[in-house]
Amino acid sequence: MAKDEHNKAAEHHENAAKSHRAAAEHHGKGDHTKGKEHSTSAQQHSQSAGKHSEQAHTKSQQQN
């Protein structure tokens, strides 16, 4: 169902945004090790969001 894929994509987008904010906060405090960890997490969530977005788009087109 396309709705499920859209929800998964949204969840990953939200998690990516949280990780980006955490990375920025840690980098701002000079804690670059933690900042890098959060940056890596953000990238992984962004990639997952992209995959789920593509799947949702494909499923949406198939339903029409």
PDB file of N, CA and C in Angstrom:
ATOM      1  N   MET A   1       0.843  -1.177   0.000  1.00  0.00           N
ATOM      2  CA  MET A   1       0.000   0.000   0.000  1.00  0.00           C
ATOM      3  C   MET A   1       0.892   1.245   0.000  1.00  0.00           C
ATOM      4  N   ALA A   2       0.566   2.167  -0.842  1.00  0.00           N
ATOM      5  CA  ALA A   2       1.379   3.383  -0.988  1.00  0.00           C
ATOM      6  C   ALA A   2       1.407   4.204   0.298  1.00  0.00           C
ATOM      7  N   LYS A   3       0.300   4.208   1.028  1.00  0.00           N
ATOM      8  CA  LYS A   3       0.233   4.992   2.270  1.00  0.00           C
ATOM      9  C   LYS A   3       1.313   4.542   3.250  1.00  0.00           C
ATOM     10  N   ASP A   4       1.525   3.238   3.369  1.00  0.00           N
ATOM     11  CA  ASP A   4       2.552   2.717   4.272  1.00  0.00           C
ATOM     12  C   ASP A   4       3.934   3.208   3.877  1.00  0.00           C
ATOM     13  N   GLU A   5       4.216   3.209   2.590  1.00  0.00           N
ATOM     14  CA  GLU A   5       5.517   3.671   2.109  1.00  0.00           C
ATOM     15  C   GLU A   5       5.690   5.166   2.365  1.00  0.00           C
ATOM     16  N   HIS A   6       4.622   5.926   2.169  1.00  0.00           N
ATOM     17  CA  HIS A   6       4.688   7.369   2.445  1.00  0.00           C
ATOM     18  C   HIS A   6       4.971   7.607   3.928  1.00  0.00           C
ATOM     19  N   ASN A   7       4.314   6.840   4.787  1.00  0.00           N
ATOM     20  CA  ASN A   7       4.534   6.979   6.226  1.00  0.00           C
ATOM     21  C   ASN A   7       5.958   6.602   6.611  1.00  0.00           C
ATOM     22  N   LYS A   8       6.483   5.544   6.022  1.00  0.00           N
ATOM     23  CA  LYS A   8       7.871   5.142   6.298  1.00  0.00           C
ATOM     24  C   LYS A   8       8.839   6.221   5.820  1.00  0.00           C
ATOM     25  N   ALA A   9       8.587   6.771   4.654  1.00  0.00           N
ATOM     26  CA  ALA A   9       9.446   7.835   4.126  1.00  0.00           C
ATOM     27  C   ALA A   9       9.413   9.043   5.056  1.00  0.00           C
ATOM     28  N   ALA A  10       8.222   9.411   5.509  1.00  0.00           N
ATOM     29  CA  ALA A  10       8.087  10.557   6.414  1.00  0.00           C
ATOM     30  C   ALA A  10       8.829  10.322   7.716  1.00  0.00           C
ATOM     31  N   GLU A  11       8.732   9.123   8.242  1.00  0.00           N
ATOM     32  CA  GLU A  11       9.427   8.788   9.493  1.00  0.00           C
ATOM     33  C   GLU A  11      10.945   8.915   9.326  1.00  0.00           C
ATOM     34  N   HIS A  12      11.460   8.418   8.212  1.00  0.00           N
ATOM     35  CA  HIS A  12      12.903   8.512   7.968  1.00  0.00           C
ATOM     36  C   HIS A  12      13.325   9.972   7.752  1.00  0.00           C
ATOM     37  N   HIS A  13      12.495  10.754   7.081  1.00  0.00           N
ATOM     38  CA  HIS A  13      12.799  12.185   6.903  1.00  0.00           C
ATOM     39  C   HIS A  13      12.872  12.879   8.262  1.00  0.00           C
ATOM     40  N   GLU A  14      11.922  12.574   9.134  1.00  0.00           N
ATOM     41  CA  GLU A  14      11.910  13.174  10.471  1.00  0.00           C
ATOM     42  C   GLU A  14      13.147  12.758  11.271  1.00  0.00           C
ATOM     43  N   ASN A  15      13.498  11.477  11.200  1.00  0.00           N
ATOM     44  CA  ASN A  15      14.681  10.999  11.921  1.00  0.00           C
ATOM     45  C   ASN A  15      15.961  11.614  11.360  1.00  0.00           C
ATOM     46  N   ALA A  16      15.999  11.792  10.067  1.00  0.00           N
ATOM     47  CA  ALA A  16      17.173  12.431   9.452  1.00  0.00           C
ATOM     48  C   ALA A  16      17.303  13.865   9.945  1.00  0.00           C
ATOM     49  N   ALA A  17      16.187  14.572  10.005  1.00  0.00           N
ATOM     50  CA  ALA A  17      16.218  15.962  10.472  1.00  0.00           C
ATOM     51  C   ALA A  17      16.701  16.037  11.921  1.00  0.00           C
ATOM     52  N   LYS A  18      16.216  15.127  12.765  1.00  0.00           N
ATOM     53  CA  LYS A  18      16.660  15.089  14.169  1.00  0.00           C
ATOM     54  C   LYS A  18      18.165  14.841  14.250  1.00  0.00           C
ATOM     55  N   SER A  19      18.642  13.909  13.446  1.00  0.00           N
ATOM     56  CA  SER A  19      20.076  13.592  13.457  1.00  0.00           C
ATOM     57  C   SER A  19      20.902  14.765  12.941  1.00  0.00           C
ATOM     58  N   HIS A  20      20.399  15.461  11.931  1.00  0.00           N
ATOM     59  CA  HIS A  20      21.101  16.644  11.415  1.00  0.00           C
ATOM     60  C   HIS A  20      21.213  17.714  12.503  1.00  0.00           C
ATOM     61  N   ARG A  21      20.112  17.935  13.220  1.00  0.00           N
ATOM     62  CA  ARG A  21      20.139  18.941  14.295  1.00  0.00           C
ATOM     63  C   ARG A  21      21.103  18.540  15.397  1.00  0.00           C
ATOM     64  N   ALA A  22      21.106  17.254  15.764  1.00  0.00           N
ATOM     65  CA  ALA A  22      22.023  16.774  16.804  1.00  0.00           C
ATOM     66  C   ALA A  22      23.470  16.916  16.337  1.00  0.00           C
ATOM     67  N   ALA A  23      23.720  16.603  15.070  1.00  0.00           N
ATOM     68  CA  ALA A  23      25.079  16.738  14.530  1.00  0.00           C
ATOM     69  C   ALA A  23      25.531  18.191  14.592  1.00  0.00           C
ATOM     70  N   ALA A  24      24.656  19.090  14.208  1.00  0.00           N
ATOM     71  CA  ALA A  24      25.000  20.514  14.232  1.00  0.00           C
ATOM     72  C   ALA A  24      25.302  20.973  15.656  1.00  0.00           C
ATOM     73  N   GLU A  25      24.500  20.510  16.603  1.00  0.00           N
ATOM     74  CA  GLU A  25      24.709  20.887  17.999  1.00  0.00           C
ATOM     75  C   GLU A  25      26.066  20.393  18.505  1.00  0.00           C
ATOM     76  N   HIS A  26      26.388  19.143  18.224  1.00  0.00           N
ATOM     77  CA  HIS A  26      27.664  18.576  18.676  1.00  0.00           C
ATOM     78  C   HIS A  26      28.855  19.240  17.994  1.00  0.00           C
ATOM     79  N   HIS A  27      28.730  19.490  16.699  1.00  0.00           N
ATOM     80  CA  HIS A  27      29.817  20.175  15.999  1.00  0.00           C
ATOM     81  C   HIS A  27      30.011  21.580  16.565  1.00  0.00           C
ATOM     82  N   GLY A  28      28.900  22.246  16.891  1.00  0.00           N
ATOM     83  CA  GLY A  28      28.969  23.586  17.455  1.00  0.00           C
ATOM     84  C   GLY A  28      29.666  23.622  18.809  1.00  0.00           C
ATOM     85  N   LYS A  29      29.564  22.512  19.531  1.00  0.00           N
ATOM     86  CA  LYS A  29      30.199  22.413  20.844  1.00  0.00           C
ATOM     87  C   LYS A  29      31.626  21.864  20.757  1.00  0.00           C
ATOM     88  N   GLY A  30      32.064  21.575  19.538  1.00  0.00           N
ATOM     89  CA  GLY A  30      33.415  21.060  19.340  1.00  0.00           C
ATOM     90  C   GLY A  30      33.535  19.552  19.518  1.00  0.00           C
ATOM     91  N   ASP A  31      32.415  18.869  19.715  1.00  0.00           N
ATOM     92  CA  ASP A  31      32.430  17.412  19.864  1.00  0.00           C
ATOM     93  C   ASP A  31      32.243  16.786  18.486  1.00  0.00           C
ATOM     94  N   HIS A  32      33.320  16.762  17.728  1.00  0.00           N
ATOM     95  CA  HIS A  32      33.238  16.331  16.330  1.00  0.00           C
ATOM     96  C   HIS A  32      33.033  14.829  16.175  1.00  0.00           C
ATOM     97  N   THR A  33      33.450  14.065  17.159  1.00  0.00           N
ATOM     98  CA  THR A  33      33.230  12.622  17.092  1.00  0.00           C
ATOM     99  C   THR A  33      31.739  12.313  17.140  1.00  0.00           C
ATOM    100  N   LYS A  34      31.042  12.898  18.113  1.00  0.00           N
ATOM    101  CA  LYS A  34      29.589  12.705  18.211  1.00  0.00           C
ATOM    102  C   LYS A  34      28.883  13.338  17.015  1.00  0.00           C
ATOM    103  N   GLY A  35      29.384  14.488  16.577  1.00  0.00           N
ATOM    104  CA  GLY A  35      28.798  15.144  15.420  1.00  0.00           C
ATOM    105  C   GLY A  35      28.850  14.263  14.194  1.00  0.00           C
ATOM    106  N   LYS A  36      29.979  13.592  14.011  1.00  0.00           N
ATOM    107  CA  LYS A  36      30.127  12.703  12.853  1.00  0.00           C
ATOM    108  C   LYS A  36      29.182  11.505  12.965  1.00  0.00           C
ATOM    109  N   GLU A  37      29.026  10.979  14.173  1.00  0.00           N
ATOM    110  CA  GLU A  37      28.101   9.856  14.369  1.00  0.00           C
ATOM    111  C   GLU A  37      26.682  10.251  13.963  1.00  0.00           C
ATOM    112  N   HIS A  38      26.262  11.425  14.393  1.00  0.00           N
ATOM    113  CA  HIS A  38      24.920  11.890  14.048  1.00  0.00           C
ATOM    114  C   HIS A  38      24.806  12.212  12.557  1.00  0.00           C
ATOM    115  N   SER A  39      25.861  12.712  11.969  1.00  0.00           N
ATOM    116  CA  SER A  39      25.857  12.984  10.526  1.00  0.00           C
ATOM    117  C   SER A  39      25.697  11.690   9.736  1.00  0.00           C
ATOM    118  N   THR A  40      26.381  10.644  10.188  1.00  0.00           N
ATOM    119  CA  THR A  40      26.273   9.339   9.532  1.00  0.00           C
ATOM    120  C   THR A  40      24.855   8.798   9.649  1.00  0.00           C
ATOM    121  N   SER A  41      24.285   8.928  10.846  1.00  0.00           N
ATOM    122  CA  SER A  41      22.904   8.492  11.055  1.00  0.00           C
ATOM    123  C   SER A  41      21.949   9.266  10.159  1.00  0.00           C
ATOM    124  N   ALA A  42      22.157  10.572  10.061  1.00  0.00           N
ATOM    125  CA  ALA A  42      21.312  11.407   9.211  1.00  0.00           C
ATOM    126  C   ALA A  42      21.384  10.955   7.756  1.00  0.00           C
ATOM    127  N   GLN A  43      22.573  10.652   7.308  1.00  0.00           N
ATOM    128  CA  GLN A  43      22.740  10.206   5.926  1.00  0.00           C
ATOM    129  C   GLN A  43      22.008   8.890   5.687  1.00  0.00           C
ATOM    130  N   GLN A  44      22.105   7.968   6.628  1.00  0.00           N
ATOM    131  CA  GLN A  44      21.422   6.678   6.483  1.00  0.00           C
ATOM    132  C   GLN A  44      19.908   6.862   6.441  1.00  0.00           C
ATOM    133  N   HIS A  45      19.394   7.703   7.312  1.00  0.00           N
ATOM    134  CA  HIS A  45      17.949   7.961   7.309  1.00  0.00           C
ATOM    135  C   HIS A  45      17.527   8.644   6.011  1.00  0.00           C
ATOM    136  N   SER A  46      18.335   9.551   5.523  1.00  0.00           N
ATOM    137  CA  SER A  46      18.011  10.243   4.271  1.00  0.00           C
ATOM    138  C   SER A  46      17.950   9.263   3.102  1.00  0.00           C
ATOM    139  N   GLN A  47      18.894   8.335   3.074  1.00  0.00           N
ATOM    140  CA  GLN A  47      18.906   7.339   2.003  1.00  0.00           C
ATOM    141  C   GLN A  47      17.684   6.428   2.094  1.00  0.00           C
ATOM    142  N   SER A  48      17.333   6.013   3.304  1.00  0.00           N
ATOM    143  CA  SER A  48      16.136   5.189   3.487  1.00  0.00           C
ATOM    144  C   SER A  48      14.878   5.947   3.097  1.00  0.00           C
ATOM    145  N   ALA A  49      14.822   7.215   3.461  1.00  0.00           N
ATOM    146  CA  ALA A  49      13.669   8.038   3.097  1.00  0.00           C
ATOM    147  C   ALA A  49      13.537   8.109   1.584  1.00  0.00           C
ATOM    148  N   GLY A  50      14.643   8.276   0.888  1.00  0.00           N
ATOM    149  CA  GLY A  50      14.625   8.337  -0.564  1.00  0.00           C
ATOM    150  C   GLY A  50      14.100   7.050  -1.184  1.00  0.00           C
ATOM    151  N   LYS A  51      14.537   5.914  -0.648  1.00  0.00           N
ATOM    152  CA  LYS A  51      14.079   4.618  -1.161  1.00  0.00           C
ATOM    153  C   LYS A  51      12.573   4.446  -0.949  1.00  0.00           C
ATOM    154  N   HIS A  52      12.110   4.779   0.262  1.00  0.00           N
ATOM    155  CA  HIS A  52      10.680   4.640   0.541  1.00  0.00           C
ATOM    156  C   HIS A  52       9.864   5.631  -0.281  1.00  0.00           C
ATOM    157  N   SER A  53      10.390   6.808  -0.534  1.00  0.00           N
ATOM    158  CA  SER A  53       9.694   7.785  -1.372  1.00  0.00           C
ATOM    159  C   SER A  53       9.528   7.260  -2.791  1.00  0.00           C
ATOM    160  N   GLU A  54      10.582   6.659  -3.311  1.00  0.00           N
ATOM    161  CA  GLU A  54      10.503   6.084  -4.661  1.00  0.00           C
ATOM    162  C   GLU A  54       9.478   4.957  -4.709  1.00  0.00           C
ATOM    163  N   GLN A  55       9.502   4.092  -3.694  1.00  0.00           N
ATOM    164  CA  GLN A  55       8.547   2.983  -3.654  1.00  0.00           C
ATOM    165  C   GLN A  55       7.117   3.503  -3.540  1.00  0.00           C
ATOM    166  N   ALA A  56       6.922   4.524  -2.722  1.00  0.00           N
ATOM    167  CA  ALA A  56       5.582   5.103  -2.575  1.00  0.00           C
ATOM    168  C   ALA A  56       5.109   5.695  -3.894  1.00  0.00           C
ATOM    169  N   HIS A  57       6.002   6.376  -4.576  1.00  0.00           N
ATOM    170  CA  HIS A  57       5.647   6.984  -5.864  1.00  0.00           C
ATOM    171  C   HIS A  57       5.259   5.898  -6.866  1.00  0.00           C
ATOM    172  N   THR A  58       6.027   4.832  -6.919  1.00  0.00           N
ATOM    173  CA  THR A  58       5.745   3.735  -7.846  1.00  0.00           C
ATOM    174  C   THR A  58       4.404   3.094  -7.522  1.00  0.00           C
ATOM    175  N   LYS A  59       4.159   2.831  -6.242  1.00  0.00           N
ATOM    176  CA  LYS A  59       2.894   2.215  -5.851  1.00  0.00           C
ATOM    177  C   LYS A  59       1.711   3.142  -6.117  1.00  0.00           C
ATOM    178  N   SER A  60       1.912   4.427  -5.916  1.00  0.00           N
ATOM    179  CA  SER A  60       0.840   5.392  -6.191  1.00  0.00           C
ATOM    180  C   SER A  60       0.469   5.387  -7.659  1.00  0.00           C
ATOM    181  N   GLN A  61       1.482   5.318  -8.513  1.00  0.00           N
ATOM    182  CA  GLN A  61       1.212   5.294  -9.959  1.00  0.00           C
ATOM    183  C   GLN A  61       0.493   4.017 -10.365  1.00  0.00           C
ATOM    184  N   GLN A  62       0.821   2.903  -9.722  1.00  0.00           N
ATOM    185  CA  GLN A  62       0.200   1.633 -10.061  1.00  0.00           C
ATOM    186  C   GLN A  62      -1.263   1.589  -9.662  1.00  0.00           C
ATOM    187  N   GLN A  63      -1.633   2.377  -8.641  1.00  0.00           N
ATOM    188  CA  GLN A  63      -3.016   2.385  -8.176  1.00  0.00           C
ATOM    189  C   GLN A  63      -3.923   3.208  -9.070  1.00  0.00           C
ATOM    190  N   ASN A  64      -3.350   4.041  -9.908  1.00  0.00           N
ATOM    191  CA  ASN A  64      -4.173   4.895 -10.795  1.00  0.00           C
ATOM    192  C   ASN A  64      -4.522   4.184 -12.060  1.00  0.00           C
TER     193      ASN A  64
END
